[in-house]
Amino acid sequence: MTDATGHDTDRTRALIVLLTGASVIGVGPIFVRLAEVGPAAAGMWRLVFSLPLLFILARRNGGTGAPTRATVLAGIAFAFDLGFWHYGIAYTSVAKATVLSNLTPVVVTAVAWIFLKQRPRRMFLVAVGLAVAGAWIMAAARHGGALGKAPALGDAFSVATAFWYAMYFLAVSSARQSQAATRIMFWSSLTGAPLMLLAALGLGERLLPITSTGWAACIGLGIMHVAGQGSIAWALGRLPAATASVVVLIQPVVAALLGWWIFGELFGHLQMLGAGIALSGVVLAQWASRARPVVPAEAV
């Protein structure tokens, strides 16, 4: 009984950390819009400004160690994830870019089922269906000028993001079996930063912000990366990747609300309905996954 209670407590804490991290990441699109640099350059600054903090945290938590295959793969996947997502933010609305990029549960569940033999429960599949349906309703809702300057291109970039975000999830989930979250974050960020710089240079982007507001947004991206993505990486050591990928669908809800508040991107009745359905899927996913306990990874 004690072990079960301890497991429930650890799981609840992991869910709270995951939800908090996902909510923080939802602020990311706002910083990207305010950064005054190209989309890939914004991703570079996000990683660059996060590295000093990640280095300090990793040193306090056992050291940085050496990069592993999983952390390098996580860094490569995350660089592609940021590149496609930031270009999606540039060409479509904040809400749609974040929603479509978070269709990750479909990819994660499919890959885990096919390659890792982790067959999901039927109720979990229903939960994924609800979450994705709610996300799609939010994306499909059309309101005035909320679609962005090139919505079709932005939507395509955002959908591509879902694949790379799924690869990142799976790589981090694998690395968390033996490594601390801060170590994984440090090496994946160090791997991704030069890739983002090369992409920004190749695409001819502006690299430096113009005003103090732009620099503040770039620094904010770095802090957000440590707090948000670090929380997600920590929680992935204690929750199944498929479950975590559904929970983080709270990101588009946060992003949509902030996009409406700051940039005037309308958040209409259909989008609110979609948000409600997506969150219902999140709750159902947690209930369904409780029926099959997963032994948490050893604390690191």
C-alpha atoms as a PDB file:
ATOM      1  CA  MET A   1       0.000   0.000   0.000  1.00  0.00           C
ATOM      2  CA  THR A   2       2.833   2.351   0.821  1.00  0.00           C
ATOM      3  CA  ASP A   3       4.504   1.740  -2.534  1.00  0.00           C
ATOM      4  CA  ALA A   4       1.236   2.440  -4.374  1.00  0.00           C
ATOM      5  CA  THR A   5       0.693   5.633  -2.406  1.00  0.00           C
ATOM      6  CA  GLY A   6       4.247   6.752  -3.092  1.00  0.00           C
ATOM      7  CA  HIS A   7       3.805   6.015  -6.778  1.00  0.00           C
ATOM      8  CA  ASP A   8       0.568   8.054  -6.910  1.00  0.00           C
ATOM      9  CA  THR A   9       2.286  10.967  -5.155  1.00  0.00           C
ATOM     10  CA  ASP A  10       5.225  10.877  -7.545  1.00  0.00           C
ATOM     11  CA  ARG A  11       2.877  10.689 -10.531  1.00  0.00           C
ATOM     12  CA  THR A  12       0.772  13.610  -9.296  1.00  0.00           C
ATOM     13  CA  ARG A  13       3.886  15.724  -8.782  1.00  0.00           C
ATOM     14  CA  ALA A  14       5.121  14.821 -12.271  1.00  0.00           C
ATOM     15  CA  LEU A  15       1.760  15.819 -13.775  1.00  0.00           C
ATOM     16  CA  ILE A  16       1.802  19.170 -11.963  1.00  0.00           C
ATOM     17  CA  VAL A  17       5.363  19.867 -13.139  1.00  0.00           C
ATOM     18  CA  LEU A  18       4.443  18.823 -16.695  1.00  0.00           C
ATOM     19  CA  LEU A  19       1.365  21.059 -16.800  1.00  0.00           C
ATOM     20  CA  THR A  20       3.364  23.988 -15.408  1.00  0.00           C
ATOM     21  CA  GLY A  21       6.149  23.480 -17.931  1.00  0.00           C
ATOM     22  CA  ALA A  22       3.712  23.198 -20.821  1.00  0.00           C
ATOM     23  CA  SER A  23       1.969  26.404 -19.730  1.00  0.00           C
ATOM     24  CA  VAL A  24       5.303  28.241 -19.611  1.00  0.00           C
ATOM     25  CA  ILE A  25       6.162  26.987 -23.107  1.00  0.00           C
ATOM     26  CA  GLY A  26       2.835  28.435 -24.252  1.00  0.00           C
ATOM     27  CA  VAL A  27       4.394  31.899 -23.760  1.00  0.00           C
ATOM     28  CA  GLY A  28       7.068  31.060 -26.352  1.00  0.00           C
ATOM     29  CA  PRO A  29       5.199  32.237 -29.475  1.00  0.00           C
ATOM     30  CA  ILE A  30       4.724  35.663 -27.912  1.00  0.00           C
ATOM     31  CA  PHE A  31       8.470  36.041 -27.365  1.00  0.00           C
ATOM     32  CA  VAL A  32       9.161  34.841 -30.915  1.00  0.00           C
ATOM     33  CA  ARG A  33       6.883  37.559 -32.328  1.00  0.00           C
ATOM     34  CA  LEU A  34       8.587  40.212 -30.174  1.00  0.00           C
ATOM     35  CA  ALA A  35      12.205  39.095 -30.746  1.00  0.00           C
ATOM     36  CA  GLU A  36      12.812  41.289 -33.854  1.00  0.00           C
ATOM     37  CA  VAL A  37      14.941  38.552 -35.467  1.00  0.00           C
ATOM     38  CA  GLY A  38      14.269  35.776 -37.968  1.00  0.00           C
ATOM     39  CA  PRO A  39      12.390  32.639 -36.881  1.00  0.00           C
ATOM     40  CA  ALA A  40      15.473  30.393 -36.859  1.00  0.00           C
ATOM     41  CA  ALA A  41      17.540  33.135 -35.188  1.00  0.00           C
ATOM     42  CA  ALA A  42      14.940  33.345 -32.417  1.00  0.00           C
ATOM     43  CA  GLY A  43      15.421  29.621 -31.863  1.00  0.00           C
ATOM     44  CA  MET A  44      19.170  30.106 -31.725  1.00  0.00           C
ATOM     45  CA  TRP A  45      18.915  32.837 -29.086  1.00  0.00           C
ATOM     46  CA  ARG A  46      16.494  30.691 -27.098  1.00  0.00           C
ATOM     47  CA  LEU A  47      19.115  27.954 -26.858  1.00  0.00           C
ATOM     48  CA  VAL A  48      22.111  30.264 -26.428  1.00  0.00           C
ATOM     49  CA  PHE A  49      20.615  32.177 -23.503  1.00  0.00           C
ATOM     50  CA  SER A  50      19.506  28.934 -21.866  1.00  0.00           C
ATOM     51  CA  LEU A  51      22.986  27.356 -21.878  1.00  0.00           C
ATOM     52  CA  PRO A  52      24.539  29.246 -18.901  1.00  0.00           C
ATOM     53  CA  LEU A  53      21.570  28.386 -16.686  1.00  0.00           C
ATOM     54  CA  LEU A  54      21.526  24.775 -17.866  1.00  0.00           C
ATOM     55  CA  PHE A  55      25.263  24.429 -17.260  1.00  0.00           C
ATOM     56  CA  ILE A  56      24.896  25.662 -13.661  1.00  0.00           C
ATOM     57  CA  LEU A  57      21.913  23.392 -13.002  1.00  0.00           C
ATOM     58  CA  ALA A  58      23.635  20.369 -14.546  1.00  0.00           C
ATOM     59  CA  ARG A  59      26.796  20.947 -12.472  1.00  0.00           C
ATOM     60  CA  ARG A  60      24.692  21.080  -9.313  1.00  0.00           C
ATOM     61  CA  ASN A  61      22.937  17.874 -10.296  1.00  0.00           C
ATOM     62  CA  GLY A  62      25.860  15.550 -10.894  1.00  0.00           C
ATOM     63  CA  GLY A  63      27.738  17.338 -13.673  1.00  0.00           C
ATOM     64  CA  THR A  64      27.298  17.688 -17.415  1.00  0.00           C
ATOM     65  CA  GLY A  65      29.006  14.404 -18.221  1.00  0.00           C
ATOM     66  CA  ALA A  66      29.452  13.604 -21.892  1.00  0.00           C
ATOM     67  CA  PRO A  67      26.888  13.784 -24.685  1.00  0.00           C
ATOM     68  CA  THR A  68      25.128  10.553 -25.550  1.00  0.00           C
ATOM     69  CA  ARG A  69      23.441   9.419 -28.717  1.00  0.00           C
ATOM     70  CA  ALA A  70      20.018  10.117 -27.213  1.00  0.00           C
ATOM     71  CA  THR A  71      20.887  13.671 -26.147  1.00  0.00           C
ATOM     72  CA  VAL A  72      22.405  14.491 -29.539  1.00  0.00           C
ATOM     73  CA  LEU A  73      19.356  13.097 -31.325  1.00  0.00           C
ATOM     74  CA  ALA A  74      17.154  15.133 -28.984  1.00  0.00           C
ATOM     75  CA  GLY A  75      19.114  18.265 -29.901  1.00  0.00           C
ATOM     76  CA  ILE A  76      18.818  17.629 -33.639  1.00  0.00           C
ATOM     77  CA  ALA A  77      15.094  16.908 -33.380  1.00  0.00           C
ATOM     78  CA  PHE A  78      14.550  19.987 -31.222  1.00  0.00           C
ATOM     79  CA  ALA A  79      16.405  22.223 -33.707  1.00  0.00           C
ATOM     80  CA  PHE A  80      14.082  21.069 -36.505  1.00  0.00           C
ATOM     81  CA  ASP A  81      11.117  21.433 -34.154  1.00  0.00           C
ATOM     82  CA  LEU A  82      12.005  25.047 -33.341  1.00  0.00           C
ATOM     83  CA  GLY A  83      12.768  25.937 -36.947  1.00  0.00           C
ATOM     84  CA  PHE A  84       9.475  24.690 -38.355  1.00  0.00           C
ATOM     85  CA  TRP A  85       7.446  25.983 -35.401  1.00  0.00           C
ATOM     86  CA  HIS A  86       8.913  29.488 -35.467  1.00  0.00           C
ATOM     87  CA  TYR A  87       8.275  29.780 -39.186  1.00  0.00           C
ATOM     88  CA  GLY A  88       4.742  28.567 -38.548  1.00  0.00           C
ATOM     89  CA  ILE A  89       4.332  31.353 -35.965  1.00  0.00           C
ATOM     90  CA  ALA A  90       5.639  33.863 -38.523  1.00  0.00           C
ATOM     91  CA  TYR A  91       3.111  32.914 -41.222  1.00  0.00           C
ATOM     92  CA  THR A  92      -0.057  31.919 -39.376  1.00  0.00           C
ATOM     93  CA  SER A  93      -1.727  32.837 -36.087  1.00  0.00           C
ATOM     94  CA  VAL A  94      -0.126  32.046 -32.738  1.00  0.00           C
ATOM     95  CA  ALA A  95      -3.031  29.768 -31.843  1.00  0.00           C
ATOM     96  CA  LYS A  96      -2.972  27.747 -35.063  1.00  0.00           C
ATOM     97  CA  ALA A  97       0.816  27.397 -35.117  1.00  0.00           C
ATOM     98  CA  THR A  98       0.841  26.076 -31.561  1.00  0.00           C
ATOM     99  CA  VAL A  99      -2.212  23.865 -31.985  1.00  0.00           C
ATOM    100  CA  LEU A 100      -1.048  22.158 -35.171  1.00  0.00           C
ATOM    101  CA  SER A 101       2.463  21.634 -33.836  1.00  0.00           C
ATOM    102  CA  ASN A 102       0.942  19.863 -30.835  1.00  0.00           C
ATOM    103  CA  LEU A 103      -0.730  17.122 -32.848  1.00  0.00           C
ATOM    104  CA  THR A 104       2.253  15.189 -31.546  1.00  0.00           C
ATOM    105  CA  PRO A 105       0.219  12.543 -29.645  1.00  0.00           C
ATOM    106  CA  VAL A 106      -0.755  10.915 -32.929  1.00  0.00           C
ATOM    107  CA  VAL A 107       2.894  10.516 -33.931  1.00  0.00           C
ATOM    108  CA  VAL A 108       4.143   9.527 -30.463  1.00  0.00           C
ATOM    109  CA  THR A 109       1.417   6.932 -29.937  1.00  0.00           C
ATOM    110  CA  ALA A 110       1.897   5.478 -33.419  1.00  0.00           C
ATOM    111  CA  VAL A 111       5.693   5.227 -33.085  1.00  0.00           C
ATOM    112  CA  ALA A 112       5.506   3.769 -29.569  1.00  0.00           C
ATOM    113  CA  TRP A 113       2.909   1.245 -30.760  1.00  0.00           C
ATOM    114  CA  ILE A 114       4.699   0.181 -33.961  1.00  0.00           C
ATOM    115  CA  PHE A 115       8.362   0.283 -32.928  1.00  0.00           C
ATOM    116  CA  LEU A 116       8.346   0.039 -29.125  1.00  0.00           C
ATOM    117  CA  LYS A 117       5.444  -2.417 -28.869  1.00  0.00           C
ATOM    118  CA  GLN A 118       3.722  -0.145 -26.348  1.00  0.00           C
ATOM    119  CA  ARG A 119       0.132  -0.857 -27.264  1.00  0.00           C
ATOM    120  CA  PRO A 120      -2.144   1.916 -25.946  1.00  0.00           C
ATOM    121  CA  ARG A 121      -5.394   1.198 -24.152  1.00  0.00           C
ATOM    122  CA  ARG A 122      -8.588   1.756 -26.125  1.00  0.00           C
ATOM    123  CA  MET A 123      -9.706   4.512 -23.768  1.00  0.00           C
ATOM    124  CA  PHE A 124      -6.352   6.244 -24.226  1.00  0.00           C
ATOM    125  CA  LEU A 125      -6.879   6.204 -27.996  1.00  0.00           C
ATOM    126  CA  VAL A 126     -10.298   7.784 -27.452  1.00  0.00           C
ATOM    127  CA  ALA A 127      -8.608  10.451 -25.305  1.00  0.00           C
ATOM    128  CA  VAL A 128      -6.046  11.162 -28.016  1.00  0.00           C
ATOM    129  CA  GLY A 129      -8.878  11.427 -30.530  1.00  0.00           C
ATOM    130  CA  LEU A 130     -10.678  13.970 -28.348  1.00  0.00           C
ATOM    131  CA  ALA A 131      -7.540  16.022 -27.760  1.00  0.00           C
ATOM    132  CA  VAL A 132      -6.633  16.086 -31.443  1.00  0.00           C
ATOM    133  CA  ALA A 133     -10.229  16.844 -32.473  1.00  0.00           C
ATOM    134  CA  GLY A 134     -10.329  19.779 -30.077  1.00  0.00           C
ATOM    135  CA  ALA A 135      -7.000  21.039 -31.367  1.00  0.00           C
ATOM    136  CA  TRP A 136      -8.234  20.761 -34.961  1.00  0.00           C
ATOM    137  CA  ILE A 137     -11.423  22.702 -34.188  1.00  0.00           C
ATOM    138  CA  MET A 138      -9.290  25.494 -32.749  1.00  0.00           C
ATOM    139  CA  ALA A 139      -7.084  25.489 -35.834  1.00  0.00           C
ATOM    140  CA  ALA A 140      -9.967  25.384 -38.309  1.00  0.00           C
ATOM    141  CA  ALA A 141     -11.887  28.256 -36.715  1.00  0.00           C
ATOM    142  CA  ARG A 142     -11.637  31.339 -38.925  1.00  0.00           C
ATOM    143  CA  HIS A 143     -11.872  34.841 -37.516  1.00  0.00           C
ATOM    144  CA  GLY A 144     -10.985  37.995 -39.393  1.00  0.00           C
ATOM    145  CA  GLY A 145      -7.284  38.744 -39.411  1.00  0.00           C
ATOM    146  CA  ALA A 146      -6.282  35.906 -37.089  1.00  0.00           C
ATOM    147  CA  LEU A 147      -5.044  33.672 -39.915  1.00  0.00           C
ATOM    148  CA  GLY A 148      -1.681  35.337 -40.505  1.00  0.00           C
ATOM    149  CA  LYS A 149       0.058  36.542 -43.666  1.00  0.00           C
ATOM    150  CA  ALA A 150       0.497  33.105 -45.318  1.00  0.00           C
ATOM    151  CA  PRO A 151      -1.776  30.668 -43.448  1.00  0.00           C
ATOM    152  CA  ALA A 152      -1.395  27.658 -45.752  1.00  0.00           C
ATOM    153  CA  LEU A 153       2.409  27.782 -45.561  1.00  0.00           C
ATOM    154  CA  GLY A 154       2.336  28.487 -41.847  1.00  0.00           C
ATOM    155  CA  ASP A 155      -0.038  25.582 -41.249  1.00  0.00           C
ATOM    156  CA  ALA A 156       2.227  23.235 -43.243  1.00  0.00           C
ATOM    157  CA  PHE A 157       5.263  24.280 -41.197  1.00  0.00           C
ATOM    158  CA  SER A 158       3.298  23.801 -37.987  1.00  0.00           C
ATOM    159  CA  VAL A 159       2.129  20.321 -38.945  1.00  0.00           C
ATOM    160  CA  ALA A 160       5.735  19.360 -39.783  1.00  0.00           C
ATOM    161  CA  THR A 161       6.677  20.556 -36.299  1.00  0.00           C
ATOM    162  CA  ALA A 162       4.493  17.829 -34.785  1.00  0.00           C
ATOM    163  CA  PHE A 163       6.732  15.128 -36.287  1.00  0.00           C
ATOM    164  CA  TRP A 164       9.960  16.639 -34.950  1.00  0.00           C
ATOM    165  CA  TYR A 165       8.385  17.370 -31.567  1.00  0.00           C
ATOM    166  CA  ALA A 166       7.425  13.692 -31.379  1.00  0.00           C
ATOM    167  CA  MET A 167      10.984  12.644 -32.189  1.00  0.00           C
ATOM    168  CA  TYR A 168      12.221  14.995 -29.461  1.00  0.00           C
ATOM    169  CA  PHE A 169       9.769  13.520 -26.950  1.00  0.00           C
ATOM    170  CA  LEU A 170      10.865   9.975 -27.700  1.00  0.00           C
ATOM    171  CA  ALA A 171      14.587  10.830 -27.590  1.00  0.00           C
ATOM    172  CA  VAL A 172      14.259  12.639 -24.248  1.00  0.00           C
ATOM    173  CA  SER A 173      12.078   9.867 -22.836  1.00  0.00           C
ATOM    174  CA  SER A 174      14.792   7.361 -23.759  1.00  0.00           C
ATOM    175  CA  ALA A 175      17.590   9.508 -22.332  1.00  0.00           C
ATOM    176  CA  ARG A 176      15.693  10.026 -19.057  1.00  0.00           C
ATOM    177  CA  GLN A 177      16.013   6.331 -18.275  1.00  0.00           C
ATOM    178  CA  SER A 178      19.633   6.939 -17.251  1.00  0.00           C
ATOM    179  CA  GLN A 179      20.356  10.681 -17.252  1.00  0.00           C
ATOM    180  CA  ALA A 180      19.281  13.760 -15.332  1.00  0.00           C
ATOM    181  CA  ALA A 181      16.918  16.167 -17.037  1.00  0.00           C
ATOM    182  CA  THR A 182      19.364  19.080 -16.725  1.00  0.00           C
ATOM    183  CA  ARG A 183      22.167  17.083 -18.389  1.00  0.00           C
ATOM    184  CA  ILE A 184      19.885  16.158 -21.274  1.00  0.00           C
ATOM    185  CA  MET A 185      18.726  19.755 -21.632  1.00  0.00           C
ATOM    186  CA  PHE A 186      22.297  21.062 -21.647  1.00  0.00           C
ATOM    187  CA  TRP A 187      23.591  18.718 -24.345  1.00  0.00           C
ATOM    188  CA  SER A 188      20.484  18.881 -26.519  1.00  0.00           C
ATOM    189  CA  SER A 189      20.575  22.693 -26.392  1.00  0.00           C
ATOM    190  CA  LEU A 190      24.313  22.776 -27.124  1.00  0.00           C
ATOM    191  CA  THR A 191      23.665  20.502 -30.095  1.00  0.00           C
ATOM    192  CA  GLY A 192      20.741  22.517 -31.399  1.00  0.00           C
ATOM    193  CA  ALA A 193      22.173  26.064 -31.093  1.00  0.00           C
ATOM    194  CA  PRO A 194      24.764  25.838 -33.921  1.00  0.00           C
ATOM    195  CA  LEU A 195      22.208  24.103 -36.135  1.00  0.00           C
ATOM    196  CA  MET A 196      19.819  27.006 -35.632  1.00  0.00           C
ATOM    197  CA  LEU A 197      22.606  29.485 -36.398  1.00  0.00           C
ATOM    198  CA  LEU A 198      23.443  27.705 -39.656  1.00  0.00           C
ATOM    199  CA  ALA A 199      19.757  27.711 -40.611  1.00  0.00           C
ATOM    200  CA  ALA A 200      19.416  31.437 -39.862  1.00  0.00           C
ATOM    201  CA  LEU A 201      22.519  32.258 -41.897  1.00  0.00           C
ATOM    202  CA  GLY A 202      21.434  30.039 -44.780  1.00  0.00           C
ATOM    203  CA  LEU A 203      17.998  31.657 -44.884  1.00  0.00           C
ATOM    204  CA  GLY A 204      19.428  35.190 -44.710  1.00  0.00           C
ATOM    205  CA  GLU A 205      17.647  36.098 -41.496  1.00  0.00           C
ATOM    206  CA  ARG A 206      18.251  39.073 -39.226  1.00  0.00           C
ATOM    207  CA  LEU A 207      20.392  37.790 -36.354  1.00  0.00           C
ATOM    208  CA  LEU A 208      20.421  40.716 -33.897  1.00  0.00           C
ATOM    209  CA  PRO A 209      17.411  42.396 -32.258  1.00  0.00           C
ATOM    210  CA  ILE A 210      16.964  46.106 -32.931  1.00  0.00           C
ATOM    211  CA  THR A 211      15.675  47.344 -29.575  1.00  0.00           C
ATOM    212  CA  SER A 212      15.894  46.460 -25.894  1.00  0.00           C
ATOM    213  CA  THR A 213      12.435  44.905 -26.216  1.00  0.00           C
ATOM    214  CA  GLY A 214      13.774  42.488 -28.806  1.00  0.00           C
ATOM    215  CA  TRP A 215      16.736  41.536 -26.614  1.00  0.00           C
ATOM    216  CA  ALA A 216      14.423  41.085 -23.627  1.00  0.00           C
ATOM    217  CA  ALA A 217      12.254  38.754 -25.696  1.00  0.00           C
ATOM    218  CA  CYS A 218      15.314  36.696 -26.717  1.00  0.00           C
ATOM    219  CA  ILE A 219      16.445  36.444 -23.090  1.00  0.00           C
ATOM    220  CA  GLY A 220      12.886  35.543 -22.128  1.00  0.00           C
ATOM    221  CA  LEU A 221      12.997  32.691 -24.638  1.00  0.00           C
ATOM    222  CA  GLY A 222      16.102  31.333 -22.916  1.00  0.00           C
ATOM    223  CA  ILE A 223      14.563  31.510 -19.440  1.00  0.00           C
ATOM    224  CA  MET A 224      11.333  30.008 -20.741  1.00  0.00           C
ATOM    225  CA  HIS A 225      13.323  27.166 -22.331  1.00  0.00           C
ATOM    226  CA  VAL A 226      14.986  26.249 -19.041  1.00  0.00           C
ATOM    227  CA  ALA A 227      11.843  26.511 -16.930  1.00  0.00           C
ATOM    228  CA  GLY A 228       9.357  25.094 -19.422  1.00  0.00           C
ATOM    229  CA  GLN A 229      11.251  22.511 -21.450  1.00  0.00           C
ATOM    230  CA  GLY A 230      13.266  21.537 -18.368  1.00  0.00           C
ATOM    231  CA  SER A 231      10.064  20.766 -16.480  1.00  0.00           C
ATOM    232  CA  ILE A 232       8.816  18.670 -19.377  1.00  0.00           C
ATOM    233  CA  ALA A 233      12.109  16.755 -19.584  1.00  0.00           C
ATOM    234  CA  TRP A 234      12.000  16.081 -15.825  1.00  0.00           C
ATOM    235  CA  ALA A 235       8.419  14.830 -16.005  1.00  0.00           C
ATOM    236  CA  LEU A 236       9.218  12.544 -18.947  1.00  0.00           C
ATOM    237  CA  GLY A 237      11.344  10.484 -16.556  1.00  0.00           C
ATOM    238  CA  ARG A 238       8.232   9.714 -14.527  1.00  0.00           C
ATOM    239  CA  LEU A 239       5.434   9.536 -17.096  1.00  0.00           C
ATOM    240  CA  PRO A 240       4.934   7.593 -20.349  1.00  0.00           C
ATOM    241  CA  ALA A 241       5.870   9.618 -23.435  1.00  0.00           C
ATOM    242  CA  ALA A 242       2.417   9.117 -24.974  1.00  0.00           C
ATOM    243  CA  THR A 243       0.675  10.392 -21.833  1.00  0.00           C
ATOM    244  CA  ALA A 244       2.969  13.412 -21.553  1.00  0.00           C
ATOM    245  CA  SER A 245       2.451  14.308 -25.212  1.00  0.00           C
ATOM    246  CA  VAL A 246      -1.301  14.609 -24.591  1.00  0.00           C
ATOM    247  CA  VAL A 247      -0.931  16.660 -21.408  1.00  0.00           C
ATOM    248  CA  VAL A 248       1.213  19.286 -23.145  1.00  0.00           C
ATOM    249  CA  LEU A 249      -1.742  20.103 -25.395  1.00  0.00           C
ATOM    250  CA  ILE A 250      -2.447  22.795 -22.823  1.00  0.00           C
ATOM    251  CA  GLN A 251       0.234  24.796 -24.673  1.00  0.00           C
ATOM    252  CA  PRO A 252      -2.044  25.911 -27.525  1.00  0.00           C
ATOM    253  CA  VAL A 253      -4.717  26.982 -25.055  1.00  0.00           C
ATOM    254  CA  VAL A 254      -2.244  29.259 -23.269  1.00  0.00           C
ATOM    255  CA  ALA A 255      -0.797  30.500 -26.578  1.00  0.00           C
ATOM    256  CA  ALA A 256      -4.239  31.219 -28.030  1.00  0.00           C
ATOM    257  CA  LEU A 257      -5.290  33.248 -24.996  1.00  0.00           C
ATOM    258  CA  LEU A 258      -2.053  35.264 -25.040  1.00  0.00           C
ATOM    259  CA  GLY A 259      -2.267  35.775 -28.824  1.00  0.00           C
ATOM    260  CA  TRP A 260      -5.793  37.151 -28.404  1.00  0.00           C
ATOM    261  CA  TRP A 261      -4.797  39.376 -25.484  1.00  0.00           C
ATOM    262  CA  ILE A 262      -1.503  40.783 -26.870  1.00  0.00           C
ATOM    263  CA  PHE A 263      -1.873  40.646 -30.668  1.00  0.00           C
ATOM    264  CA  GLY A 264      -5.649  40.873 -30.970  1.00  0.00           C
ATOM    265  CA  GLU A 265      -5.941  37.440 -32.596  1.00  0.00           C
ATOM    266  CA  LEU A 266      -9.583  36.638 -32.040  1.00  0.00           C
ATOM    267  CA  PHE A 267     -10.452  33.726 -29.778  1.00  0.00           C
ATOM    268  CA  GLY A 268     -14.006  32.900 -30.805  1.00  0.00           C
ATOM    269  CA  HIS A 269     -16.652  30.414 -29.716  1.00  0.00           C
ATOM    270  CA  LEU A 270     -15.360  27.587 -31.906  1.00  0.00           C
ATOM    271  CA  GLN A 271     -11.837  28.035 -30.579  1.00  0.00           C
ATOM    272  CA  MET A 272     -13.125  27.983 -27.004  1.00  0.00           C
ATOM    273  CA  LEU A 273     -15.096  24.827 -27.811  1.00  0.00           C
ATOM    274  CA  GLY A 274     -11.983  23.237 -29.272  1.00  0.00           C
ATOM    275  CA  ALA A 275      -9.961  24.178 -26.202  1.00  0.00           C
ATOM    276  CA  GLY A 276     -12.577  22.562 -23.957  1.00  0.00           C
ATOM    277  CA  ILE A 277     -12.590  19.355 -25.993  1.00  0.00           C
ATOM    278  CA  ALA A 278      -8.765  19.231 -26.028  1.00  0.00           C
ATOM    279  CA  LEU A 279      -8.597  19.636 -22.256  1.00  0.00           C
ATOM    280  CA  SER A 280     -11.260  16.941 -21.845  1.00  0.00           C
ATOM    281  CA  GLY A 281      -8.998  14.638 -23.806  1.00  0.00           C
ATOM    282  CA  VAL A 282      -6.139  15.490 -21.446  1.00  0.00           C
ATOM    283  CA  VAL A 283      -8.208  14.593 -18.384  1.00  0.00           C
ATOM    284  CA  LEU A 284      -9.477  11.365 -19.970  1.00  0.00           C
ATOM    285  CA  ALA A 285      -5.932  10.376 -20.935  1.00  0.00           C
ATOM    286  CA  GLN A 286      -4.823  10.659 -17.326  1.00  0.00           C
ATOM    287  CA  TRP A 287      -7.762   8.574 -16.124  1.00  0.00           C
ATOM    288  CA  ALA A 288      -7.158   5.903 -18.770  1.00  0.00           C
ATOM    289  CA  SER A 289      -3.431   5.644 -18.116  1.00  0.00           C
ATOM    290  CA  ARG A 290      -3.971   5.226 -14.360  1.00  0.00           C
ATOM    291  CA  ALA A 291      -5.443   1.810 -14.997  1.00  0.00           C
ATOM    292  CA  ARG A 292      -2.021   0.537 -16.070  1.00  0.00           C
ATOM    293  CA  PRO A 293       0.575   1.803 -13.558  1.00  0.00           C
ATOM    294  CA  VAL A 294       4.058   2.572 -14.824  1.00  0.00           C
ATOM    295  CA  VAL A 295       6.971   2.209 -12.432  1.00  0.00           C
ATOM    296  CA  PRO A 296       8.634   5.624 -12.262  1.00  0.00           C
ATOM    297  CA  ALA A 297      12.242   6.034 -13.293  1.00  0.00           C
ATOM    298  CA  GLU A 298      14.794   6.311 -10.534  1.00  0.00           C
ATOM    299  CA  ALA A 299      15.093   9.909  -9.348  1.00  0.00           C
ATOM    300  CA  VAL A 300      18.036  11.694 -10.932  1.00  0.00           C
END
